[in-house]
N, C-alpha and C. Protein backbone atom coordinates (compact mmCIF):
# COMPACT_ATOMS: atom_id res chain seq x y z
N MET A 1 124.39 -7.08 61.65
CA MET A 1 124.28 -7.56 60.29
C MET A 1 125.38 -6.93 59.44
N ALA A 2 126.09 -7.74 58.71
CA ALA A 2 127.17 -7.27 57.85
C ALA A 2 126.61 -6.81 56.50
N LEU A 3 127.22 -5.77 55.97
CA LEU A 3 126.83 -5.32 54.63
C LEU A 3 127.32 -6.33 53.60
N PRO A 4 126.59 -6.50 52.50
CA PRO A 4 127.02 -7.46 51.47
C PRO A 4 128.26 -6.99 50.71
N ILE A 5 128.58 -5.72 50.81
CA ILE A 5 129.79 -5.17 50.19
C ILE A 5 130.52 -4.34 51.23
N ASP A 6 131.79 -4.16 51.05
CA ASP A 6 132.58 -3.33 51.95
C ASP A 6 132.72 -1.95 51.30
N PRO A 7 132.00 -0.95 51.83
CA PRO A 7 132.04 0.38 51.21
C PRO A 7 133.44 0.99 51.15
N THR A 8 134.30 0.60 52.05
CA THR A 8 135.66 1.16 52.05
C THR A 8 136.50 0.63 50.89
N LYS A 9 136.04 -0.42 50.25
CA LYS A 9 136.79 -1.01 49.14
C LYS A 9 136.24 -0.59 47.78
N ILE A 10 135.27 0.26 47.76
CA ILE A 10 134.70 0.73 46.50
C ILE A 10 135.33 2.09 46.18
N ASP A 11 135.86 2.20 45.00
CA ASP A 11 136.45 3.44 44.53
C ASP A 11 135.33 4.44 44.24
N PRO A 12 135.43 5.69 44.71
CA PRO A 12 134.39 6.68 44.41
C PRO A 12 134.06 6.81 42.93
N ALA A 13 135.01 6.53 42.06
CA ALA A 13 134.73 6.56 40.62
C ALA A 13 133.72 5.49 40.23
N ASP A 14 133.67 4.39 40.99
CA ASP A 14 132.73 3.31 40.69
C ASP A 14 131.28 3.73 40.92
N TYR A 15 131.06 4.69 41.79
CA TYR A 15 129.69 5.18 42.00
C TYR A 15 129.53 6.62 41.55
N GLY A 16 130.51 7.12 40.82
CA GLY A 16 130.39 8.42 40.16
C GLY A 16 130.35 9.61 41.08
N GLU A 17 131.16 9.58 42.13
CA GLU A 17 131.16 10.70 43.07
C GLU A 17 131.81 11.94 42.46
N HIS A 18 131.14 13.06 42.61
CA HIS A 18 131.67 14.37 42.20
C HIS A 18 131.48 15.33 43.37
N ARG A 19 132.46 16.18 43.57
CA ARG A 19 132.40 17.19 44.63
C ARG A 19 133.12 18.43 44.13
N ALA A 20 132.50 19.57 44.36
CA ALA A 20 133.12 20.85 44.03
C ALA A 20 132.84 21.81 45.19
N VAL A 21 133.73 22.75 45.37
CA VAL A 21 133.55 23.77 46.40
C VAL A 21 133.41 25.10 45.69
N LEU A 22 132.36 25.83 46.06
CA LEU A 22 132.11 27.15 45.48
C LEU A 22 132.26 28.20 46.57
N GLU A 23 133.02 29.22 46.27
CA GLU A 23 133.22 30.33 47.21
C GLU A 23 132.17 31.40 46.89
N MET A 24 130.98 31.23 47.44
CA MET A 24 129.86 32.15 47.24
C MET A 24 128.81 31.85 48.29
N ASP A 25 127.81 32.69 48.38
CA ASP A 25 126.77 32.41 49.39
C ASP A 25 125.87 31.28 48.92
N HIS A 26 125.08 30.76 49.84
CA HIS A 26 124.31 29.55 49.58
C HIS A 26 123.30 29.73 48.44
N GLU A 27 122.51 30.78 48.48
CA GLU A 27 121.50 31.00 47.44
C GLU A 27 122.15 31.18 46.07
N GLU A 28 123.26 31.89 46.03
CA GLU A 28 123.98 32.08 44.78
C GLU A 28 124.51 30.74 44.24
N ALA A 29 125.00 29.89 45.13
CA ALA A 29 125.50 28.58 44.73
C ALA A 29 124.38 27.70 44.17
N ILE A 30 123.22 27.75 44.79
CA ILE A 30 122.07 26.98 44.29
C ILE A 30 121.71 27.44 42.89
N GLU A 31 121.59 28.74 42.69
CA GLU A 31 121.23 29.27 41.38
C GLU A 31 122.29 28.94 40.34
N HIS A 32 123.55 29.10 40.71
CA HIS A 32 124.65 28.79 39.79
C HIS A 32 124.63 27.31 39.41
N THR A 33 124.46 26.44 40.38
CA THR A 33 124.44 24.99 40.13
C THR A 33 123.26 24.63 39.23
N ARG A 34 122.10 25.20 39.51
CA ARG A 34 120.92 24.95 38.68
C ARG A 34 121.20 25.36 37.23
N GLU A 35 121.77 26.54 37.02
CA GLU A 35 122.07 27.02 35.68
C GLU A 35 123.08 26.12 34.96
N VAL A 36 124.13 25.74 35.66
CA VAL A 36 125.18 24.91 35.06
C VAL A 36 124.63 23.54 34.65
N PHE A 37 123.84 22.92 35.50
CA PHE A 37 123.27 21.62 35.15
C PHE A 37 122.25 21.74 34.03
N THR A 38 121.52 22.83 33.99
CA THR A 38 120.58 23.05 32.89
C THR A 38 121.33 23.20 31.57
N GLU A 39 122.41 23.96 31.58
CA GLU A 39 123.23 24.12 30.38
C GLU A 39 123.85 22.80 29.92
N ALA A 40 124.10 21.88 30.87
CA ALA A 40 124.69 20.59 30.53
C ALA A 40 123.65 19.58 30.03
N GLY A 41 122.37 19.97 30.00
CA GLY A 41 121.34 19.10 29.44
C GLY A 41 120.35 18.54 30.44
N PHE A 42 120.42 19.00 31.67
CA PHE A 42 119.48 18.53 32.69
C PHE A 42 118.39 19.57 32.92
N GLY A 43 117.20 19.09 33.25
CA GLY A 43 116.18 19.95 33.81
C GLY A 43 116.22 19.74 35.31
N VAL A 44 115.51 20.57 36.04
CA VAL A 44 115.44 20.42 37.49
C VAL A 44 113.96 20.42 37.88
N PRO A 45 113.30 19.25 37.72
CA PRO A 45 111.86 19.19 37.98
C PRO A 45 111.49 19.15 39.46
N ALA A 46 112.46 18.88 40.31
CA ALA A 46 112.18 18.81 41.75
C ALA A 46 113.33 19.42 42.52
N GLU A 47 113.01 20.20 43.53
CA GLU A 47 114.03 20.75 44.40
C GLU A 47 113.41 21.11 45.74
N PHE A 48 114.22 20.99 46.78
CA PHE A 48 113.72 21.33 48.11
C PHE A 48 114.88 21.52 49.07
N SER A 49 114.57 22.09 50.21
CA SER A 49 115.56 22.35 51.24
C SER A 49 115.28 21.48 52.46
N PRO A 50 116.01 20.36 52.60
CA PRO A 50 115.84 19.54 53.80
C PRO A 50 116.13 20.33 55.08
N SER A 51 117.10 21.24 55.02
CA SER A 51 117.43 22.00 56.23
C SER A 51 116.26 22.87 56.67
N GLU A 52 115.60 23.54 55.73
CA GLU A 52 114.43 24.35 56.10
C GLU A 52 113.33 23.47 56.67
N LEU A 53 113.07 22.35 56.03
CA LEU A 53 112.03 21.43 56.50
C LEU A 53 112.34 20.92 57.91
N LEU A 54 113.57 20.44 58.11
CA LEU A 54 113.94 19.90 59.42
C LEU A 54 114.01 20.97 60.50
N ASN A 55 114.48 22.15 60.13
CA ASN A 55 114.53 23.23 61.11
C ASN A 55 113.12 23.63 61.55
N GLU A 56 112.19 23.59 60.62
CA GLU A 56 110.80 23.92 60.93
C GLU A 56 110.10 22.80 61.71
N LYS A 57 110.26 21.55 61.26
CA LYS A 57 109.50 20.43 61.82
C LYS A 57 110.05 19.89 63.13
N VAL A 58 111.37 19.83 63.27
CA VAL A 58 111.94 19.22 64.48
C VAL A 58 112.98 20.12 65.15
N ASP A 59 112.96 21.43 64.80
CA ASP A 59 113.89 22.38 65.40
C ASP A 59 115.33 21.86 65.35
N ALA A 60 115.75 21.43 64.14
CA ALA A 60 117.03 20.76 63.97
C ALA A 60 118.24 21.70 63.99
N ASP A 61 118.05 22.97 63.73
CA ASP A 61 119.15 23.93 63.68
C ASP A 61 120.22 23.51 62.67
N ARG A 62 119.78 23.08 61.49
CA ARG A 62 120.70 22.65 60.43
C ARG A 62 121.17 23.85 59.60
N ASP A 63 122.41 23.77 59.16
CA ASP A 63 122.96 24.76 58.24
C ASP A 63 122.29 24.56 56.88
N PRO A 64 122.35 25.59 56.01
CA PRO A 64 121.70 25.49 54.70
C PRO A 64 122.14 24.24 53.92
N TYR A 65 121.13 23.54 53.39
CA TYR A 65 121.31 22.29 52.66
C TYR A 65 120.20 22.22 51.64
N TYR A 66 120.53 22.02 50.37
CA TYR A 66 119.53 22.08 49.30
C TYR A 66 119.73 20.94 48.31
N VAL A 67 118.63 20.40 47.81
CA VAL A 67 118.67 19.30 46.85
C VAL A 67 118.04 19.76 45.54
N LEU A 68 118.81 19.62 44.45
CA LEU A 68 118.29 19.86 43.11
C LEU A 68 118.11 18.50 42.45
N GLY A 69 116.89 18.17 42.09
CA GLY A 69 116.60 16.91 41.42
C GLY A 69 116.74 17.08 39.92
N ALA A 70 117.91 16.73 39.39
CA ALA A 70 118.20 16.94 37.97
C ALA A 70 117.73 15.75 37.14
N CYS A 71 117.25 16.04 35.92
CA CYS A 71 116.76 14.97 35.06
C CYS A 71 116.87 15.39 33.60
N ASN A 72 117.24 14.44 32.78
CA ASN A 72 117.19 14.61 31.34
C ASN A 72 116.09 13.67 30.85
N PRO A 73 114.96 14.19 30.38
CA PRO A 73 113.81 13.34 30.04
C PRO A 73 114.10 12.24 29.03
N GLU A 74 114.90 12.55 27.99
CA GLU A 74 115.21 11.53 26.99
C GLU A 74 116.00 10.39 27.62
N MET A 75 116.95 10.75 28.50
CA MET A 75 117.76 9.73 29.16
C MET A 75 116.88 8.92 30.12
N ALA A 76 116.02 9.58 30.87
CA ALA A 76 115.13 8.89 31.80
C ALA A 76 114.24 7.89 31.07
N ASP A 77 113.77 8.28 29.89
CA ASP A 77 112.94 7.38 29.10
C ASP A 77 113.73 6.14 28.68
N ARG A 78 114.97 6.33 28.23
CA ARG A 78 115.83 5.19 27.86
C ARG A 78 116.09 4.28 29.06
N VAL A 79 116.34 4.90 30.19
CA VAL A 79 116.64 4.14 31.42
C VAL A 79 115.46 3.26 31.80
N LEU A 80 114.25 3.81 31.78
CA LEU A 80 113.07 3.04 32.17
C LEU A 80 112.76 1.93 31.17
N ASP A 81 113.21 2.08 29.92
CA ASP A 81 113.07 0.99 28.96
C ASP A 81 113.93 -0.21 29.36
N VAL A 82 115.03 0.06 30.06
CA VAL A 82 115.94 -1.01 30.49
C VAL A 82 115.49 -1.62 31.81
N THR A 83 115.14 -0.79 32.76
CA THR A 83 114.73 -1.29 34.07
C THR A 83 113.77 -0.30 34.74
N GLU A 84 112.57 -0.75 34.98
CA GLU A 84 111.56 0.10 35.62
C GLU A 84 111.90 0.41 37.07
N GLN A 85 112.75 -0.41 37.69
CA GLN A 85 113.14 -0.18 39.09
C GLN A 85 113.90 1.13 39.26
N MET A 86 114.50 1.63 38.20
CA MET A 86 115.29 2.86 38.31
C MET A 86 114.47 4.06 38.77
N GLY A 87 113.18 4.00 38.55
CA GLY A 87 112.34 5.10 39.01
C GLY A 87 112.47 5.36 40.50
N ALA A 88 112.83 4.34 41.25
CA ALA A 88 113.02 4.51 42.70
C ALA A 88 114.23 5.37 43.02
N LEU A 89 115.12 5.53 42.06
CA LEU A 89 116.31 6.35 42.28
C LEU A 89 116.21 7.73 41.62
N PHE A 90 115.16 7.96 40.83
CA PHE A 90 114.99 9.25 40.16
C PHE A 90 114.62 10.32 41.16
N PRO A 91 114.91 11.58 40.93
CA PRO A 91 115.82 12.09 39.90
C PRO A 91 117.27 11.98 40.36
N CYS A 92 118.17 12.41 39.51
CA CYS A 92 119.60 12.44 39.85
C CYS A 92 119.83 13.66 40.74
N ASN A 93 120.06 13.43 42.01
CA ASN A 93 120.18 14.55 42.93
C ASN A 93 121.57 15.18 42.93
N VAL A 94 121.56 16.49 42.97
CA VAL A 94 122.76 17.29 43.16
C VAL A 94 122.50 18.08 44.44
N VAL A 95 123.40 17.94 45.40
CA VAL A 95 123.19 18.53 46.72
C VAL A 95 124.14 19.71 46.90
N VAL A 96 123.62 20.78 47.47
CA VAL A 96 124.43 21.95 47.79
C VAL A 96 124.29 22.19 49.28
N TRP A 97 125.42 22.12 50.00
CA TRP A 97 125.35 22.43 51.42
C TRP A 97 126.40 23.46 51.80
N GLU A 98 126.06 24.20 52.83
CA GLU A 98 126.97 25.24 53.30
C GLU A 98 127.97 24.63 54.27
N GLU A 99 129.22 24.58 53.84
CA GLU A 99 130.29 24.07 54.69
C GLU A 99 130.64 25.10 55.76
N GLU A 100 130.62 26.35 55.33
CA GLU A 100 130.78 27.50 56.22
C GLU A 100 130.24 28.69 55.44
N PRO A 101 129.91 29.79 56.10
CA PRO A 101 129.39 30.94 55.35
C PRO A 101 130.35 31.34 54.22
N GLY A 102 129.79 31.46 53.01
CA GLY A 102 130.57 31.82 51.85
C GLY A 102 131.29 30.66 51.18
N ARG A 103 131.08 29.46 51.69
CA ARG A 103 131.74 28.26 51.13
C ARG A 103 130.71 27.14 51.03
N GLN A 104 130.38 26.75 49.77
CA GLN A 104 129.36 25.75 49.52
C GLN A 104 129.97 24.51 48.86
N VAL A 105 129.48 23.34 49.23
CA VAL A 105 129.89 22.10 48.60
C VAL A 105 128.76 21.65 47.67
N VAL A 106 129.12 21.29 46.45
CA VAL A 106 128.17 20.74 45.48
C VAL A 106 128.55 19.27 45.30
N TYR A 107 127.61 18.36 45.59
CA TYR A 107 127.92 16.94 45.65
C TYR A 107 126.92 16.14 44.81
N HIS A 108 127.44 15.10 44.15
CA HIS A 108 126.60 14.24 43.31
C HIS A 108 127.19 12.84 43.24
N VAL A 109 126.34 11.85 43.22
CA VAL A 109 126.75 10.48 42.91
C VAL A 109 125.88 10.00 41.76
N SER A 110 126.41 9.10 40.94
CA SER A 110 125.71 8.63 39.76
C SER A 110 124.73 7.52 40.12
N ILE A 111 123.44 7.80 39.95
CA ILE A 111 122.46 6.73 40.19
C ILE A 111 122.59 5.64 39.15
N MET A 112 123.11 5.97 37.97
CA MET A 112 123.29 4.96 36.93
C MET A 112 124.37 3.95 37.33
N LYS A 113 125.47 4.45 37.87
CA LYS A 113 126.54 3.57 38.32
C LYS A 113 126.13 2.79 39.57
N ILE A 114 125.44 3.46 40.49
CA ILE A 114 124.98 2.79 41.71
C ILE A 114 123.99 1.68 41.36
N ALA A 115 123.10 1.94 40.42
CA ALA A 115 122.12 0.92 40.02
C ALA A 115 122.82 -0.32 39.49
N ARG A 116 123.87 -0.13 38.72
CA ARG A 116 124.62 -1.26 38.19
C ARG A 116 125.30 -2.03 39.33
N LEU A 117 125.90 -1.30 40.28
CA LEU A 117 126.56 -1.94 41.43
C LEU A 117 125.58 -2.76 42.26
N LEU A 118 124.33 -2.28 42.36
CA LEU A 118 123.32 -2.95 43.17
C LEU A 118 122.56 -4.04 42.42
N GLY A 119 122.78 -4.14 41.13
CA GLY A 119 122.08 -5.15 40.34
C GLY A 119 120.70 -4.70 39.89
N ILE A 120 120.37 -3.43 40.07
CA ILE A 120 119.09 -2.90 39.59
C ILE A 120 119.14 -2.74 38.08
N ALA A 121 120.32 -2.44 37.56
CA ALA A 121 120.51 -2.27 36.12
C ALA A 121 121.54 -3.31 35.66
N PRO A 122 121.46 -3.69 34.40
CA PRO A 122 122.39 -4.70 33.89
C PRO A 122 123.80 -4.15 33.71
N ASP A 123 124.74 -5.03 33.71
CA ASP A 123 126.13 -4.68 33.42
C ASP A 123 126.41 -5.12 31.98
N ASP A 124 125.84 -4.36 31.04
CA ASP A 124 126.00 -4.69 29.63
C ASP A 124 126.34 -3.44 28.82
N GLU A 125 126.55 -3.61 27.52
CA GLU A 125 126.96 -2.51 26.66
C GLU A 125 125.90 -1.41 26.59
N ASN A 126 124.62 -1.80 26.53
CA ASN A 126 123.55 -0.82 26.46
C ASN A 126 123.57 0.08 27.70
N TRP A 127 123.66 -0.54 28.88
CA TRP A 127 123.68 0.25 30.11
C TRP A 127 124.96 1.08 30.18
N GLN A 128 126.08 0.52 29.73
CA GLN A 128 127.33 1.28 29.74
C GLN A 128 127.20 2.54 28.89
N GLY A 129 126.47 2.45 27.79
CA GLY A 129 126.23 3.64 26.97
C GLY A 129 125.48 4.71 27.74
N ILE A 130 124.48 4.30 28.50
CA ILE A 130 123.73 5.25 29.34
C ILE A 130 124.65 5.85 30.40
N VAL A 131 125.43 5.01 31.06
CA VAL A 131 126.37 5.48 32.07
C VAL A 131 127.33 6.50 31.46
N ASP A 132 127.88 6.17 30.30
CA ASP A 132 128.84 7.06 29.64
C ASP A 132 128.22 8.41 29.29
N GLU A 133 127.01 8.38 28.72
CA GLU A 133 126.36 9.63 28.32
C GLU A 133 126.02 10.50 29.52
N THR A 134 125.46 9.90 30.56
CA THR A 134 125.12 10.70 31.74
C THR A 134 126.38 11.20 32.44
N SER A 135 127.41 10.37 32.45
CA SER A 135 128.68 10.80 33.05
C SER A 135 129.27 12.00 32.32
N GLU A 136 129.19 12.00 30.99
CA GLU A 136 129.68 13.13 30.21
C GLU A 136 128.92 14.40 30.56
N MET A 137 127.62 14.29 30.72
CA MET A 137 126.81 15.45 31.07
C MET A 137 127.20 15.99 32.45
N VAL A 138 127.36 15.10 33.40
CA VAL A 138 127.74 15.52 34.75
C VAL A 138 129.16 16.10 34.74
N ASP A 139 130.06 15.46 34.02
CA ASP A 139 131.43 15.97 33.92
C ASP A 139 131.43 17.38 33.33
N GLU A 140 130.61 17.60 32.33
CA GLU A 140 130.50 18.94 31.72
C GLU A 140 130.02 19.95 32.75
N ALA A 141 129.02 19.58 33.52
CA ALA A 141 128.51 20.49 34.55
C ALA A 141 129.59 20.80 35.59
N TYR A 142 130.26 19.79 36.07
CA TYR A 142 131.30 20.01 37.08
C TYR A 142 132.48 20.80 36.54
N ALA A 143 132.80 20.65 35.26
CA ALA A 143 133.88 21.42 34.67
C ALA A 143 133.53 22.91 34.63
N THR A 144 132.23 23.20 34.58
CA THR A 144 131.76 24.59 34.51
C THR A 144 131.54 25.20 35.89
N LEU A 145 131.28 24.35 36.88
CA LEU A 145 131.04 24.87 38.23
C LEU A 145 132.21 25.74 38.67
């Protein structure tokens, strides 16, 4: 089955890809990332370690990998006023994985931009305002990382 879009032809800016590398240990990177995103206006209502879960449940032997579920409640409320389907993409995940000891990657994609690409959210001025505001918040966080 062919995909309806060719992922190789989509510019990472179209889905809001951000990546940063932190030279610190994994736990320190998680705490730093949490603090930076909180300062940029996000809360972190959900977080978990897929690597710990998989290592425990299926003996996966995965390197440290952590998910911070970031959310700005006012923005989430505005988003759900536009499209209730967005709840399936909540929260905005920021992932921290250990590339090697002492070197962590912090990765994020914009659920707001992805929703527009998938047709879950409209491609209109109102949604663009939401995209712009959330993008500014994420940009601020990444500038501080």
